């Protein structure tokens, strides 16, 4: 028996391992952001904001519209600027 045949040949798979991973075409990219939105009622009923801010949300935001936190705060700031 030949010793060379008893030792399996080592193969470097580090350079080809990425070729073996299946990639789905419809997989979302990591760089895509999903914006979280809330309704007027959610802003008004949250305890994350003080009472005066919730009152401003009642006036500044429209019913049945989804807002990001940034957009809702911008709407309140716009209302306050128009008031004073």
Protein backbone atom coordinates (compact mmCIF):
# COMPACT_ATOMS: atom_id res chain seq x y z
CA UNK A 1 0.00 0.00 0.00
CA UNK A 2 1.32 3.42 -0.96
CA UNK A 3 1.51 6.00 1.87
CA UNK A 4 0.59 8.87 -0.44
CA UNK A 5 -2.82 7.33 -1.20
CA UNK A 6 -3.68 6.92 2.50
CA UNK A 7 -3.25 10.65 3.20
CA UNK A 8 -6.09 12.67 1.72
CA UNK A 9 -5.11 15.69 -0.27
CA UNK A 10 -5.87 18.97 1.52
CA UNK A 11 -7.80 21.52 -0.45
CA UNK A 12 -7.88 25.21 0.35
CA UNK A 13 -11.56 26.16 0.25
CA UNK A 14 -11.22 29.63 1.73
CA UNK A 15 -11.11 31.27 -1.67
CA UNK A 16 -14.07 29.31 -3.07
CA UNK A 17 -16.37 29.21 -0.06
CA UNK A 18 -18.22 32.37 -1.08
CA UNK A 19 -19.07 30.79 -4.42
CA UNK A 20 -20.87 27.97 -2.67
CA UNK A 21 -23.32 30.12 -0.70
CA UNK A 22 -26.65 30.55 -2.48
CA UNK A 23 -27.87 34.14 -2.64
CA UNK A 24 -31.52 34.98 -3.06
CA UNK A 25 -32.19 37.86 -5.40
CA UNK A 26 -35.11 39.14 -3.34
CA UNK A 27 -33.12 39.34 -0.10
CA UNK A 28 -33.21 42.92 1.24
CA UNK A 29 -29.89 44.69 1.39
CA UNK A 30 -28.45 45.55 4.76
CA UNK A 31 -28.18 49.20 3.81
CA UNK A 32 -31.94 49.55 3.31
CA UNK A 33 -33.68 51.29 6.22
CA UNK A 34 -37.19 50.59 7.33
CA UNK A 35 -38.76 53.68 8.80
CA UNK A 36 -40.94 53.10 11.82
CA UNK A 37 -44.12 55.15 11.74
CA UNK A 38 -46.84 55.93 14.24
CA UNK A 39 -50.35 57.37 14.13
CA UNK A 40 -51.54 60.57 15.79
CA UNK A 41 -53.26 58.50 18.49
CA UNK A 42 -50.04 56.69 19.31
CA UNK A 43 -48.19 59.99 19.78
CA UNK A 44 -51.03 61.43 21.89
CA UNK A 45 -51.32 58.36 24.13
CA UNK A 46 -47.63 57.67 24.73
CA UNK A 47 -45.96 58.34 28.06
CA UNK A 48 -42.64 58.99 26.31
CA UNK A 49 -43.51 62.67 25.87
CA UNK A 50 -44.58 65.20 28.51
CA UNK A 51 -48.23 66.30 28.59
CA UNK A 52 -47.71 69.58 26.75
CA UNK A 53 -46.10 67.75 23.81
CA UNK A 54 -48.99 65.32 23.61
CA UNK A 55 -51.34 68.32 23.50
CA UNK A 56 -49.31 69.77 20.63
CA UNK A 57 -49.47 66.44 18.81
CA UNK A 58 -53.28 66.58 19.08
CA UNK A 59 -53.31 69.90 17.25
CA UNK A 60 -50.40 69.49 14.82
CA UNK A 61 -50.95 65.96 13.49
CA UNK A 62 -53.72 64.72 11.22
CA UNK A 63 -55.91 61.68 11.86
CA UNK A 64 -55.20 58.48 9.90
CA UNK A 65 -51.72 59.61 8.80
CA UNK A 66 -48.51 57.75 9.63
CA UNK A 67 -45.59 59.85 10.95
CA UNK A 68 -41.99 59.08 11.78
CA UNK A 69 -40.78 60.57 15.05
CA UNK A 70 -38.75 63.14 13.12
CA UNK A 71 -41.72 64.15 10.95
CA UNK A 72 -44.08 64.42 13.94
CA UNK A 73 -41.60 66.63 15.79
CA UNK A 74 -41.19 68.76 12.66
CA UNK A 75 -44.97 69.21 12.45
CA UNK A 76 -45.08 70.33 16.09
CA UNK A 77 -42.17 72.74 15.55
CA UNK A 78 -43.94 74.18 12.51
CA UNK A 79 -47.10 74.72 14.55
CA UNK A 80 -45.20 76.44 17.35
CA UNK A 81 -43.42 78.75 14.87
CA UNK A 82 -46.78 79.78 13.37
CA UNK A 83 -48.20 80.45 16.82
CA UNK A 84 -45.43 82.79 17.99
